[in-house]
Amino acid sequence: MTGAVDTGLTTADGLRLAARWHRPVPALSGSDGVGVVVVHGFCAGQDVPDVRAVAARLVDAGHPVLTFDLRGHGRSEGECTLGWRERFDVDAAVAAARADHDVVVVVGASMGGIAVLDHLATAAGGPPGAEADAAVTVATPAGWGVPRNVTGVMAVFATQTPPGRALLARRTGTRVAVRPPRGAPPVERIRLVRRPVAVVHGLADRFIAPAAAHALYAAAPEPRRLALVPGMGHGYTRAAVPAVAEAVAWALGAVSPTPEPGP
């Protein structure tokens, strides 16, 4: 069973984000020390079934989970910047989780994964506790660009043209900023990370090829983990849920490795 409580986050650039805590009921022994932040992808939100399924699986494992709507999505303020300023959203969520938990793991899918890597890369070397202790990226691109197929063409139309942005806002409620800067690609950001990172990707992902996962994994410092999941498409699909749960469990072990038994 889970207990959900709505809350809010305020970003460093002054936006108010809708958020929600999902907690085990009754609280499981030892769960208070670990909090998990789940970050959705483009045109999603904390209320979509895929995100709720990931949160429920992690709560079943005994972890309090914080979900939220990224800027420009759902009930949050602002405009979506396609991964550029979403780092501030992840910063705010990690800070909220850190207030009540000793260890924070952050999970991000697709554009959310970009924001997670940017959070870790930027917060590295900052004040203690500013960054998450470990991360899981799901279906995250390594570089900029879209696939040369119908899905890619639709993505360009929806994000880079006025009619596309208007249609997207009307159909999905997602408000996209006009031509936001991109910054360094995710494969360069992950090189700066100094926390354990698990890379999860679907072998059936038709939007971001599995080669992106290989590139991210190759660039990430140790400790790192790569999980390529058969039958998993793009983002938090049904096949991704157990893979994400396993990656979070690995991340917690990498943060606090089990001591080897004595003689």
Protein backbone atom coordinates (compact mmCIF):
# COMPACT_ATOMS: atom_id res chain seq x y z
CA MET A 1 0.00 0.00 0.00
CA THR A 2 1.10 3.58 -0.62
CA GLY A 3 0.24 6.96 0.80
CA ALA A 4 0.41 9.95 -1.57
CA VAL A 5 0.69 13.56 -0.41
CA ASP A 6 0.74 16.52 -2.80
CA THR A 7 3.41 19.13 -2.23
CA GLY A 8 5.30 21.78 -4.18
CA LEU A 9 8.84 22.69 -5.15
CA THR A 10 10.43 26.06 -5.89
CA THR A 11 13.32 26.19 -8.34
CA ALA A 12 16.38 28.41 -8.13
CA ASP A 13 15.00 30.50 -11.00
CA GLY A 14 11.72 31.05 -9.20
CA LEU A 15 9.27 28.56 -10.71
CA ARG A 16 6.73 26.64 -8.67
CA LEU A 17 6.46 22.94 -9.53
CA ALA A 18 3.67 20.54 -8.62
CA ALA A 19 5.03 17.51 -6.76
CA ARG A 20 3.87 14.49 -4.79
CA TRP A 21 5.37 12.20 -2.15
CA HIS A 22 4.53 8.51 -2.36
CA ARG A 23 5.35 6.71 0.88
CA PRO A 24 5.03 3.11 2.02
CA VAL A 25 2.06 2.52 4.33
CA PRO A 26 2.89 1.35 6.88
CA ALA A 27 6.46 2.65 6.65
CA LEU A 28 8.90 -0.19 6.18
CA SER A 29 11.85 -0.56 8.51
CA GLY A 30 14.85 1.38 7.24
CA SER A 31 12.94 3.19 4.47
CA ASP A 32 13.34 6.65 6.00
CA GLY A 33 17.04 6.79 5.19
CA VAL A 34 16.61 6.51 1.41
CA GLY A 35 14.53 8.72 -0.87
CA VAL A 36 14.06 8.26 -4.62
CA VAL A 37 13.26 11.11 -7.03
CA VAL A 38 11.58 10.04 -10.29
CA VAL A 39 11.83 12.46 -13.23
CA HIS A 40 9.51 12.05 -16.22
CA GLY A 41 10.28 12.63 -19.89
CA PHE A 42 9.02 15.09 -22.51
CA CYS A 43 5.22 15.47 -22.78
CA ALA A 44 4.68 13.28 -19.73
CA GLY A 45 4.13 14.17 -16.07
CA GLN A 46 3.83 12.70 -12.62
CA ASP A 47 0.23 11.59 -13.26
CA VAL A 48 0.85 9.48 -16.37
CA PRO A 49 0.44 5.72 -15.77
CA ASP A 50 4.05 4.86 -16.65
CA VAL A 51 5.48 7.24 -14.04
CA ARG A 52 2.97 6.07 -11.45
CA ALA A 53 3.93 2.45 -12.15
CA VAL A 54 7.63 3.17 -11.56
CA ALA A 55 6.84 5.04 -8.35
CA ALA A 56 4.58 2.23 -7.11
CA ARG A 57 7.25 -0.42 -7.77
CA LEU A 58 9.86 1.57 -5.83
CA VAL A 59 7.44 2.22 -2.97
CA ASP A 60 6.74 -1.53 -2.84
CA ALA A 61 10.49 -1.96 -2.35
CA GLY A 62 10.22 0.27 0.73
CA HIS A 63 11.42 3.59 -0.68
CA PRO A 64 9.63 6.94 -0.30
CA VAL A 65 9.37 8.37 -3.82
CA LEU A 66 9.08 12.01 -4.91
CA THR A 67 7.51 12.67 -8.32
CA PHE A 68 6.86 16.08 -9.89
CA ASP A 69 5.87 17.85 -13.08
CA LEU A 70 8.82 19.38 -14.90
CA ARG A 71 8.56 23.03 -15.94
CA GLY A 72 6.07 23.55 -18.73
CA HIS A 73 4.32 20.27 -17.94
CA GLY A 74 1.15 19.45 -16.03
CA ARG A 75 0.45 21.80 -13.14
CA SER A 76 3.95 23.28 -12.98
CA GLU A 77 4.83 26.81 -14.02
CA GLY A 78 7.16 27.90 -16.80
CA GLU A 79 8.05 26.53 -20.20
CA CYS A 80 9.83 23.33 -21.17
CA THR A 81 13.39 23.99 -22.34
CA LEU A 82 14.02 20.45 -23.65
CA GLY A 83 16.60 19.69 -20.97
CA TRP A 84 18.42 23.02 -20.73
CA ARG A 85 16.97 24.51 -17.51
CA GLU A 86 15.26 21.38 -16.23
CA ARG A 87 18.37 20.86 -14.12
CA PHE A 88 16.94 23.46 -11.74
CA ASP A 89 13.83 21.31 -11.39
CA VAL A 90 15.91 18.26 -10.46
CA ASP A 91 18.00 20.38 -8.09
CA ALA A 92 14.83 21.43 -6.25
CA ALA A 93 13.50 17.88 -6.06
CA VAL A 94 16.78 16.48 -4.77
CA ALA A 95 16.96 19.23 -2.15
CA ALA A 96 13.44 18.38 -0.98
CA ALA A 97 14.29 14.68 -0.74
CA ARG A 98 17.57 15.46 1.02
CA ALA A 99 15.71 17.33 3.76
CA ASP A 100 14.21 14.06 5.04
CA HIS A 101 16.56 11.35 3.78
CA ASP A 102 20.24 10.58 4.21
CA VAL A 103 20.60 9.00 0.74
CA VAL A 104 18.91 10.25 -2.44
CA VAL A 105 18.77 8.35 -5.73
CA VAL A 106 17.42 10.18 -8.78
CA VAL A 107 15.89 8.41 -11.78
CA GLY A 108 15.27 10.20 -15.08
CA ALA A 109 13.84 9.08 -18.42
CA SER A 110 14.68 10.58 -21.82
CA MET A 111 14.63 14.38 -21.37
CA GLY A 112 14.41 13.74 -17.63
CA GLY A 113 17.61 11.73 -17.92
CA ILE A 114 19.32 14.69 -19.58
CA ALA A 115 18.25 16.88 -16.65
CA VAL A 116 19.51 14.31 -14.15
CA LEU A 117 22.96 14.16 -15.75
CA ASP A 118 23.09 17.95 -15.90
CA HIS A 119 22.16 18.09 -12.21
CA LEU A 120 24.95 15.70 -11.23
CA ALA A 121 27.55 17.30 -13.49
CA THR A 122 26.78 20.84 -12.31
CA ALA A 123 26.39 20.01 -8.61
CA ALA A 124 29.65 18.03 -8.49
CA GLY A 125 32.09 19.94 -6.29
CA GLY A 126 29.35 22.09 -4.82
CA PRO A 127 28.06 22.19 -1.23
CA PRO A 128 27.78 18.80 0.49
CA GLY A 129 24.43 17.19 -0.19
CA ALA A 130 23.58 19.41 -3.17
CA GLU A 131 23.74 16.49 -5.59
CA ALA A 132 22.01 13.14 -5.51
CA ASP A 133 24.06 10.20 -4.24
CA ALA A 134 23.41 8.07 -7.31
CA ALA A 135 21.44 8.16 -10.55
CA VAL A 136 19.61 5.95 -13.00
CA THR A 137 19.13 7.17 -16.57
CA VAL A 138 16.46 5.56 -18.72
CA ALA A 139 16.25 5.85 -22.52
CA THR A 140 18.49 8.91 -22.41
CA PRO A 141 20.20 10.29 -25.54
CA ALA A 142 23.96 10.66 -25.67
CA GLY A 143 23.98 13.57 -28.12
CA TRP A 144 21.67 16.09 -29.74
CA GLY A 145 19.54 15.24 -32.72
CA VAL A 146 16.46 13.21 -33.56
CA PRO A 147 16.01 9.98 -35.54
CA ARG A 148 15.45 10.29 -39.26
CA ASN A 149 12.00 8.79 -39.22
CA VAL A 150 8.40 9.89 -38.81
CA THR A 151 8.76 10.19 -35.04
CA GLY A 152 11.79 12.44 -35.43
CA VAL A 153 10.04 14.67 -37.97
CA MET A 154 7.04 15.01 -35.67
CA ALA A 155 9.31 15.91 -32.74
CA VAL A 156 10.98 18.67 -34.75
CA PHE A 157 7.62 20.06 -35.88
CA ALA A 158 6.22 20.00 -32.34
CA THR A 159 9.17 21.73 -30.69
CA GLN A 160 10.69 23.99 -33.33
CA THR A 161 7.74 25.54 -35.16
CA PRO A 162 5.06 27.94 -33.83
CA PRO A 163 2.16 25.79 -35.14
CA GLY A 164 3.75 22.69 -33.63
CA ARG A 165 4.22 24.28 -30.22
CA ALA A 166 0.64 25.59 -30.26
CA LEU A 167 -0.73 22.18 -31.20
CA LEU A 168 1.39 20.49 -28.52
CA ALA A 169 0.13 22.88 -25.84
CA ARG A 170 -3.47 22.38 -26.89
CA ARG A 171 -3.28 18.59 -27.16
CA THR A 172 -0.97 17.71 -24.26
CA GLY A 173 -0.72 20.83 -22.10
CA THR A 174 3.06 20.94 -22.61
CA ARG A 175 4.37 24.48 -23.13
CA VAL A 176 7.69 24.58 -24.99
CA ALA A 177 10.08 27.55 -24.98
CA VAL A 178 11.14 29.04 -28.31
CA ARG A 179 14.52 27.65 -29.39
CA PRO A 180 16.13 27.14 -25.96
CA PRO A 181 19.93 26.70 -25.90
CA ARG A 182 21.21 23.15 -25.71
CA GLY A 183 24.54 23.27 -23.93
CA ALA A 184 26.93 20.32 -23.74
CA PRO A 185 25.45 16.98 -24.86
CA PRO A 186 24.66 14.32 -22.23
CA VAL A 187 27.70 12.21 -23.16
CA GLU A 188 29.92 15.13 -22.17
CA ARG A 189 27.97 15.85 -18.99
CA ILE A 190 28.23 12.27 -17.76
CA ARG A 191 32.03 12.50 -17.87
CA LEU A 192 31.83 15.05 -15.04
CA VAL A 193 29.64 12.91 -12.79
CA ARG A 194 31.26 11.63 -9.62
CA ARG A 195 28.41 9.43 -8.40
CA PRO A 196 27.32 5.89 -9.30
CA VAL A 197 25.27 5.87 -12.50
CA ALA A 198 23.16 3.06 -13.95
CA VAL A 199 22.22 3.33 -17.63
CA VAL A 200 18.98 1.54 -18.60
CA HIS A 201 17.88 1.33 -22.23
CA GLY A 202 15.41 -0.68 -24.27
CA LEU A 203 16.56 -2.81 -27.16
CA ALA A 204 13.21 -2.05 -28.80
CA ASP A 205 13.57 1.74 -28.43
CA ARG A 206 12.77 3.25 -31.84
CA PHE A 207 13.34 6.86 -30.80
CA ILE A 208 16.77 6.69 -29.11
CA ALA A 209 18.92 3.84 -30.40
CA PRO A 210 20.65 1.56 -27.86
CA ALA A 211 23.96 2.89 -29.16
CA ALA A 212 23.29 5.96 -27.00
CA ALA A 213 23.32 3.80 -23.89
CA HIS A 214 26.64 2.27 -24.88
CA ALA A 215 28.10 5.76 -25.40
CA LEU A 216 26.87 7.01 -22.03
CA TYR A 217 28.14 3.93 -20.24
CA ALA A 218 31.56 4.19 -21.91
CA ALA A 219 31.88 7.85 -20.87
CA ALA A 220 30.70 7.38 -17.28
CA PRO A 221 33.29 6.94 -14.53
CA GLU A 222 33.10 3.98 -12.18
CA PRO A 223 30.99 2.75 -10.51
CA ARG A 224 28.63 2.33 -13.44
CA ARG A 225 26.11 -0.19 -14.73
CA LEU A 226 24.58 -0.88 -18.14
CA ALA A 227 21.25 -2.69 -18.56
CA LEU A 228 19.93 -3.31 -22.08
CA VAL A 229 16.38 -4.61 -21.78
CA PRO A 230 14.79 -6.84 -24.46
CA GLY A 231 11.32 -5.77 -25.51
CA MET A 232 11.60 -2.37 -23.82
CA GLY A 233 10.65 0.66 -25.89
CA HIS A 234 11.24 4.32 -25.13
CA GLY A 235 10.90 5.67 -21.59
CA TYR A 236 9.12 4.18 -18.59
CA THR A 237 7.40 1.37 -20.44
CA ARG A 238 6.10 -1.72 -18.66
CA ALA A 239 9.33 -3.59 -19.45
CA ALA A 240 11.33 -0.74 -17.89
CA VAL A 241 9.73 -0.98 -14.44
CA PRO A 242 11.61 -4.04 -13.11
CA ALA A 243 14.83 -2.85 -14.78
CA VAL A 244 14.55 0.52 -13.02
CA ALA A 245 13.91 -1.17 -9.66
CA GLU A 246 16.97 -3.37 -10.14
CA ALA A 247 19.08 -0.36 -11.12
CA VAL A 248 17.99 1.56 -8.01
CA ALA A 249 18.92 -1.44 -5.85
CA TRP A 250 22.33 -1.56 -7.56
CA ALA A 251 22.80 2.19 -7.04
CA LEU A 252 22.11 1.86 -3.32
CA GLY A 253 24.65 -0.93 -3.10
CA ALA A 254 27.19 1.21 -4.93
CA VAL A 255 26.59 4.09 -2.52
CA SER A 256 26.88 1.84 0.54
CA PRO A 257 28.70 -1.31 -0.54
CA THR A 258 28.12 -4.40 1.58
CA PRO A 259 31.26 -5.18 3.55
CA GLU A 260 32.95 -8.46 2.75
CA PRO A 261 32.61 -11.10 5.47
CA GLY A 262 35.57 -11.47 7.77
CA PRO A 263 37.68 -14.58 8.14
